Amino acid sequence: MKSQQEFLQLLEREAALQAKLETKKILPSQLDDITAFIGRHTWQVLASTSCVTAISLELAKIWIGGGK
């Protein structure tokens, strides 16, 4: 088991990493609500996206192939 000092050092490193991630965001802060929604509803977003993609590809195949 880790000593209290080791635990505090680990906690400080994690806090520093979190602060670094907060300052260097990949997406603008205007998208925070959208990314939070995706994070909370990951499987629903993936399922919806895959359905829309599959339907779009089938429609593109019909449109390009002339309905064959």
N, C-alpha and C. Protein backbone atom coordinates (compact mmCIF):
# COMPACT_ATOMS: atom_id res chain seq x y z
N MET A 1 0.84 -1.18 0.00
CA MET A 1 0.00 0.00 0.00
C MET A 1 0.88 1.25 0.00
N LYS A 2 0.49 2.23 -0.74
CA LYS A 2 1.28 3.44 -0.87
C LYS A 2 1.17 4.29 0.39
N SER A 3 2.24 4.98 0.66
CA SER A 3 2.22 5.88 1.80
C SER A 3 1.42 7.12 1.46
N GLN A 4 1.12 7.87 2.47
CA GLN A 4 0.33 9.08 2.27
C GLN A 4 1.09 10.07 1.39
N GLN A 5 2.39 10.17 1.55
CA GLN A 5 3.21 11.08 0.76
C GLN A 5 3.18 10.70 -0.73
N GLU A 6 3.29 9.42 -1.03
CA GLU A 6 3.23 8.97 -2.42
C GLU A 6 1.87 9.27 -3.02
N PHE A 7 0.82 9.06 -2.24
CA PHE A 7 -0.53 9.34 -2.71
C PHE A 7 -0.70 10.82 -3.02
N LEU A 8 -0.19 11.69 -2.16
CA LEU A 8 -0.30 13.13 -2.39
C LEU A 8 0.49 13.56 -3.63
N GLN A 9 1.65 12.95 -3.86
CA GLN A 9 2.42 13.25 -5.06
C GLN A 9 1.66 12.82 -6.32
N LEU A 10 1.06 11.66 -6.26
CA LEU A 10 0.24 11.18 -7.39
C LEU A 10 -0.93 12.12 -7.63
N LEU A 11 -1.55 12.57 -6.57
CA LEU A 11 -2.68 13.49 -6.68
C LEU A 11 -2.24 14.82 -7.29
N GLU A 12 -1.08 15.31 -6.90
CA GLU A 12 -0.56 16.56 -7.46
C GLU A 12 -0.26 16.41 -8.95
N ARG A 13 0.32 15.28 -9.34
CA ARG A 13 0.60 15.05 -10.77
C ARG A 13 -0.70 15.00 -11.57
N GLU A 14 -1.69 14.34 -11.02
CA GLU A 14 -2.98 14.24 -11.72
C GLU A 14 -3.64 15.61 -11.83
N ALA A 15 -3.56 16.41 -10.79
CA ALA A 15 -4.12 17.77 -10.83
C ALA A 15 -3.40 18.63 -11.86
N ALA A 16 -2.08 18.48 -11.95
CA ALA A 16 -1.32 19.23 -12.96
C ALA A 16 -1.72 18.81 -14.36
N LEU A 17 -1.92 17.51 -14.56
CA LEU A 17 -2.34 17.02 -15.87
C LEU A 17 -3.73 17.55 -16.23
N GLN A 18 -4.64 17.54 -15.27
CA GLN A 18 -5.98 18.06 -15.52
C GLN A 18 -5.95 19.55 -15.86
N ALA A 19 -5.12 20.31 -15.17
CA ALA A 19 -4.99 21.74 -15.46
C ALA A 19 -4.43 21.96 -16.86
N LYS A 20 -3.47 21.13 -17.24
CA LYS A 20 -2.87 21.23 -18.57
C LYS A 20 -3.91 20.91 -19.65
N LEU A 21 -4.70 19.88 -19.42
CA LEU A 21 -5.74 19.52 -20.38
C LEU A 21 -6.80 20.60 -20.49
N GLU A 22 -7.10 21.25 -19.40
CA GLU A 22 -8.11 22.32 -19.40
C GLU A 22 -7.64 23.52 -20.20
N THR A 23 -6.35 23.83 -20.13
CA THR A 23 -5.84 25.01 -20.84
C THR A 23 -5.61 24.72 -22.33
N LYS A 24 -5.36 23.48 -22.70
CA LYS A 24 -5.08 23.13 -24.09
C LYS A 24 -6.22 22.28 -24.65
N LYS A 25 -7.38 22.89 -24.82
CA LYS A 25 -8.52 22.17 -25.35
C LYS A 25 -8.38 21.99 -26.86
N ILE A 26 -8.86 20.85 -27.34
CA ILE A 26 -8.84 20.57 -28.77
C ILE A 26 -9.99 21.31 -29.46
N LEU A 27 -11.15 21.27 -28.83
CA LEU A 27 -12.34 21.91 -29.39
C LEU A 27 -12.63 23.21 -28.64
N PRO A 28 -13.27 24.16 -29.28
CA PRO A 28 -13.60 25.42 -28.59
C PRO A 28 -14.63 25.18 -27.48
N SER A 29 -14.65 26.08 -26.53
CA SER A 29 -15.53 25.92 -25.37
C SER A 29 -17.02 26.00 -25.76
N GLN A 30 -17.33 26.53 -26.92
CA GLN A 30 -18.72 26.58 -27.37
C GLN A 30 -19.29 25.18 -27.59
N LEU A 31 -18.42 24.20 -27.79
CA LEU A 31 -18.86 22.83 -28.03
C LEU A 31 -18.88 21.98 -26.76
N ASP A 32 -18.68 22.59 -25.60
CA ASP A 32 -18.65 21.83 -24.34
C ASP A 32 -19.95 21.07 -24.09
N ASP A 33 -21.09 21.70 -24.36
CA ASP A 33 -22.37 21.03 -24.14
C ASP A 33 -22.53 19.81 -25.04
N ILE A 34 -22.11 19.95 -26.29
CA ILE A 34 -22.24 18.84 -27.23
C ILE A 34 -21.32 17.69 -26.83
N THR A 35 -20.09 18.01 -26.48
CA THR A 35 -19.15 16.95 -26.09
C THR A 35 -19.59 16.28 -24.78
N ALA A 36 -20.18 17.05 -23.87
CA ALA A 36 -20.69 16.46 -22.63
C ALA A 36 -21.85 15.52 -22.93
N PHE A 37 -22.72 15.92 -23.87
CA PHE A 37 -23.84 15.05 -24.25
C PHE A 37 -23.33 13.75 -24.86
N ILE A 38 -22.36 13.87 -25.75
CA ILE A 38 -21.79 12.67 -26.38
C ILE A 38 -21.15 11.78 -25.32
N GLY A 39 -20.48 12.38 -24.37
CA GLY A 39 -19.84 11.61 -23.30
C GLY A 39 -20.84 10.88 -22.43
N ARG A 40 -21.99 11.49 -22.18
CA ARG A 40 -23.02 10.86 -21.34
C ARG A 40 -23.83 9.82 -22.10
N HIS A 41 -23.98 10.00 -23.40
CA HIS A 41 -24.84 9.12 -24.20
C HIS A 41 -24.05 8.49 -25.35
N THR A 42 -22.93 7.91 -25.04
CA THR A 42 -22.02 7.40 -26.07
C THR A 42 -22.67 6.36 -26.96
N TRP A 43 -23.29 5.35 -26.39
CA TRP A 43 -23.86 4.27 -27.20
C TRP A 43 -25.02 4.76 -28.05
N GLN A 44 -25.83 5.66 -27.53
CA GLN A 44 -26.94 6.19 -28.32
C GLN A 44 -26.42 7.01 -29.51
N VAL A 45 -25.38 7.80 -29.28
CA VAL A 45 -24.80 8.60 -30.36
C VAL A 45 -24.17 7.68 -31.41
N LEU A 46 -23.44 6.66 -30.97
CA LEU A 46 -22.83 5.73 -31.92
C LEU A 46 -23.88 4.97 -32.73
N ALA A 47 -24.93 4.52 -32.07
CA ALA A 47 -25.98 3.79 -32.78
C ALA A 47 -26.68 4.69 -33.80
N SER A 48 -27.00 5.91 -33.40
CA SER A 48 -27.66 6.85 -34.32
C SER A 48 -26.76 7.19 -35.50
N THR A 49 -25.50 7.44 -35.22
CA THR A 49 -24.55 7.79 -36.28
C THR A 49 -24.37 6.63 -37.25
N SER A 50 -24.29 5.42 -36.72
CA SER A 50 -24.11 4.27 -37.61
C SER A 50 -25.35 4.04 -38.48
N CYS A 51 -26.53 4.25 -37.92
CA CYS A 51 -27.76 4.10 -38.73
C CYS A 51 -27.81 5.14 -39.84
N VAL A 52 -27.52 6.38 -39.50
CA VAL A 52 -27.54 7.45 -40.51
C VAL A 52 -26.49 7.18 -41.59
N THR A 53 -25.32 6.72 -41.19
CA THR A 53 -24.26 6.41 -42.16
C THR A 53 -24.67 5.25 -43.07
N ALA A 54 -25.24 4.21 -42.50
CA ALA A 54 -25.66 3.05 -43.31
C ALA A 54 -26.75 3.45 -44.30
N ILE A 55 -27.71 4.22 -43.86
CA ILE A 55 -28.78 4.66 -44.77
C ILE A 55 -28.21 5.56 -45.86
N SER A 56 -27.31 6.47 -45.48
CA SER A 56 -26.70 7.37 -46.47
C SER A 56 -25.91 6.58 -47.52
N LEU A 57 -25.16 5.58 -47.08
CA LEU A 57 -24.39 4.77 -48.03
C LEU A 57 -25.30 3.97 -48.95
N GLU A 58 -26.38 3.44 -48.43
CA GLU A 58 -27.34 2.70 -49.28
C GLU A 58 -27.98 3.63 -50.30
N LEU A 59 -28.36 4.83 -49.87
CA LEU A 59 -28.95 5.79 -50.80
C LEU A 59 -27.93 6.22 -51.86
N ALA A 60 -26.67 6.41 -51.45
CA ALA A 60 -25.62 6.79 -52.41
C ALA A 60 -25.39 5.65 -53.40
N LYS A 61 -25.43 4.41 -52.92
CA LYS A 61 -25.24 3.26 -53.80
C LYS A 61 -26.37 3.18 -54.83
N ILE A 62 -27.58 3.44 -54.40
CA ILE A 62 -28.73 3.41 -55.31
C ILE A 62 -28.62 4.56 -56.31
N TRP A 63 -28.25 5.76 -55.82
CA TRP A 63 -28.17 6.94 -56.67
C TRP A 63 -27.06 6.79 -57.71
N ILE A 64 -25.90 6.30 -57.26
CA ILE A 64 -24.78 6.14 -58.18
C ILE A 64 -25.00 4.95 -59.12
N GLY A 65 -25.54 3.87 -58.59
CA GLY A 65 -25.74 2.67 -59.40
C GLY A 65 -26.98 2.72 -60.26
N GLY A 66 -27.74 3.77 -60.18
CA GLY A 66 -28.94 3.89 -61.03
C GLY A 66 -30.07 3.02 -60.55
N GLY A 67 -30.15 2.71 -59.27
CA GLY A 67 -31.27 1.95 -58.74
C GLY A 67 -31.11 0.46 -58.82
N LYS A 68 -29.94 -0.02 -59.18
CA LYS A 68 -29.72 -1.46 -59.30
C LYS A 68 -29.54 -2.09 -57.96
